[in-house]
Amino acid sequence: MKKATAFWDSGALVPLCVRETASGPAESYLRKYAPVVWWGSSVEIHSAICRLHREKEIMDPGKKGAIARLALLGRGWREILPGDHLRDLAVQLLDEYSLRAADSLQLVAALTWCDGRPAGKSFICADKRLSTAAKAIGFVVHELP
């Protein structure tokens, strides 16, 4: 049986690479939903892994394992590529919602994935502001702790 797909924000994918409180719920969602991500997700996740390493929350072996898990995840996800239309729509969303630039790009990628019809589409998220905007637009949001 084929898994359903869901859009995953980058922050929701980090717990799949690094063990943390949200890892259990994230793993549960991964069993149910194949990830769709925006083009910059791997950079954002790698950045989070490096930050955790710099802050000594993970050591060298943990960083190496996290990067290996990220590479494995990346082989299985669908990626929404950047483009002028996405950039222009992301700018518009910044006027409407309280989002950071990268979150706006993720939300636009999610809208692109569902052809602008978010009703009934799952969005897995670890960021409150992004969750709020995704709900307002019409996605079914699954929030990670």
Protein backbone atom coordinates (compact mmCIF):
# COMPACT_ATOMS: atom_id res chain seq x y z
CA MET A 1 0.00 0.00 0.00
CA LYS A 2 1.33 3.40 -0.98
CA LYS A 3 1.83 5.97 1.80
CA ALA A 4 -0.05 9.23 1.75
CA THR A 5 2.05 12.33 1.17
CA ALA A 6 2.30 15.40 3.36
CA PHE A 7 4.27 18.58 3.21
CA TRP A 8 6.94 18.65 5.94
CA ASP A 9 8.47 21.86 7.17
CA SER A 10 12.24 21.62 7.73
CA GLY A 11 11.88 21.85 11.49
CA ALA A 12 9.65 18.78 11.50
CA LEU A 13 12.37 16.78 9.74
CA VAL A 14 15.16 17.65 12.18
CA PRO A 15 13.83 15.23 14.86
CA LEU A 16 14.15 12.44 12.29
CA CYS A 17 17.88 13.18 12.08
CA VAL A 18 18.68 14.08 15.70
CA ARG A 19 17.11 12.41 18.74
CA GLU A 20 14.92 14.92 20.62
CA THR A 21 11.51 15.19 22.26
CA ALA A 22 9.68 15.36 18.94
CA SER A 23 11.48 12.35 17.43
CA GLY A 24 8.80 9.81 18.41
CA PRO A 25 5.88 11.79 16.96
CA ALA A 26 7.95 12.65 13.84
CA GLU A 27 8.77 8.97 13.28
CA SER A 28 5.09 8.12 13.66
CA TYR A 29 4.17 10.68 10.99
CA LEU A 30 6.94 9.40 8.72
CA ARG A 31 5.42 5.91 8.83
CA LYS A 32 2.16 7.43 7.60
CA TYR A 33 3.24 10.28 5.30
CA ALA A 34 5.92 10.39 2.61
CA PRO A 35 7.64 13.80 2.81
CA VAL A 36 7.26 16.60 0.31
CA VAL A 37 9.68 19.43 1.07
CA TRP A 38 10.82 22.74 -0.32
CA TRP A 39 14.10 22.99 -2.20
CA GLY A 40 16.01 24.56 0.72
CA SER A 41 15.01 21.98 3.35
CA SER A 42 18.26 20.03 3.24
CA VAL A 43 20.22 23.25 3.84
CA GLU A 44 17.99 24.24 6.77
CA ILE A 45 18.22 20.79 8.34
CA HIS A 46 21.99 20.64 7.85
CA SER A 47 22.21 24.07 9.47
CA ALA A 48 20.25 22.82 12.49
CA ILE A 49 22.54 19.80 12.81
CA CYS A 50 25.64 22.00 12.65
CA ARG A 51 24.19 24.41 15.24
CA LEU A 52 23.47 21.54 17.61
CA HIS A 53 27.03 20.32 17.13
CA ARG A 54 28.54 23.78 17.74
CA GLU A 55 26.44 24.14 20.88
CA LYS A 56 27.69 20.71 22.05
CA GLU A 57 24.18 19.24 22.12
CA ILE A 58 25.47 16.51 19.82
CA MET A 59 29.04 15.27 19.54
CA ASP A 60 30.97 14.23 16.41
CA PRO A 61 29.40 10.75 16.13
CA GLY A 62 25.92 12.26 16.61
CA LYS A 63 26.56 14.81 13.89
CA LYS A 64 27.86 12.15 11.52
CA GLY A 65 24.80 9.97 12.17
CA ALA A 66 22.42 12.91 11.76
CA ILE A 67 23.94 13.84 8.40
CA ALA A 68 23.70 10.20 7.28
CA ARG A 69 20.01 10.10 8.29
CA LEU A 70 19.44 13.38 6.42
CA ALA A 71 21.00 11.90 3.27
CA LEU A 72 18.77 8.83 3.60
CA LEU A 73 15.67 10.96 4.10
CA GLY A 74 16.60 13.11 1.11
CA ARG A 75 16.60 10.09 -1.17
CA GLY A 76 12.96 9.45 -0.36
CA TRP A 77 11.37 12.85 -0.39
CA ARG A 78 9.81 14.88 -3.18
CA GLU A 79 11.28 18.35 -3.53
CA ILE A 80 9.48 21.48 -4.74
CA LEU A 81 11.98 23.52 -6.75
CA PRO A 82 12.36 27.31 -6.57
CA GLY A 83 11.11 29.67 -9.24
CA ASP A 84 10.04 33.23 -9.86
CA HIS A 85 6.37 32.46 -9.21
CA LEU A 86 7.18 30.87 -5.85
CA ARG A 87 9.34 33.81 -4.84
CA ASP A 88 6.65 36.34 -5.80
CA LEU A 89 3.96 34.45 -3.92
CA ALA A 90 6.25 34.10 -0.86
CA VAL A 91 6.62 37.89 -0.80
CA GLN A 92 2.83 38.27 -0.89
CA LEU A 93 2.41 35.85 2.01
CA LEU A 94 4.77 37.97 4.13
CA ASP A 95 2.22 40.79 3.90
CA GLU A 96 -0.59 38.49 5.03
CA TYR A 97 0.99 36.32 7.74
CA SER A 98 3.57 36.68 10.50
CA LEU A 99 6.23 34.53 8.86
CA ARG A 100 10.01 34.49 8.48
CA ALA A 101 11.33 34.48 4.90
CA ALA A 102 12.21 30.76 4.86
CA ASP A 103 8.82 29.85 6.37
CA SER A 104 7.07 31.84 3.68
CA LEU A 105 9.02 29.92 1.04
CA GLN A 106 8.06 26.63 2.67
CA LEU A 107 4.40 27.58 2.75
CA VAL A 108 4.49 28.56 -0.92
CA ALA A 109 6.18 25.25 -1.75
CA ALA A 110 3.36 23.47 0.09
CA LEU A 111 0.79 25.44 -1.91
CA THR A 112 2.62 24.54 -5.13
CA TRP A 113 2.62 20.86 -4.16
CA CYS A 114 -1.18 20.86 -3.75
CA ASP A 115 -1.83 23.09 -6.80
CA GLY A 116 -3.21 25.83 -4.55
CA ARG A 117 -5.87 23.54 -3.05
CA PRO A 118 -4.78 22.88 0.55
CA ALA A 119 -8.14 21.59 1.88
CA GLY A 120 -7.61 18.07 3.19
CA LYS A 121 -3.85 18.14 2.56
CA SER A 122 -1.55 17.37 5.48
CA PHE A 123 1.18 19.75 6.60
CA ILE A 124 3.57 18.48 9.28
CA CYS A 125 5.08 21.36 11.19
CA ALA A 126 7.28 22.18 14.17
CA ASP A 127 6.94 25.98 14.03
CA LYS A 128 3.99 27.79 15.66
CA ARG A 129 3.89 30.76 13.28
CA LEU A 130 4.11 28.54 10.23
CA SER A 131 1.45 26.21 11.69
CA THR A 132 -0.88 29.15 12.24
CA ALA A 133 -0.45 30.40 8.67
CA ALA A 134 -0.82 26.91 7.18
CA LYS A 135 -4.06 26.38 9.13
CA ALA A 136 -5.37 29.79 8.02
CA ILE A 137 -4.69 28.87 4.39
CA GLY A 138 -6.59 25.61 4.80
CA PHE A 139 -4.05 22.83 5.40
CA VAL A 140 -4.65 20.06 7.92
CA VAL A 141 -1.72 20.80 10.24
CA HIS A 142 -0.04 18.13 12.35
CA GLU A 143 2.08 19.96 14.92
CA LEU A 144 5.13 18.46 16.53
CA PRO A 145 5.93 19.32 20.16
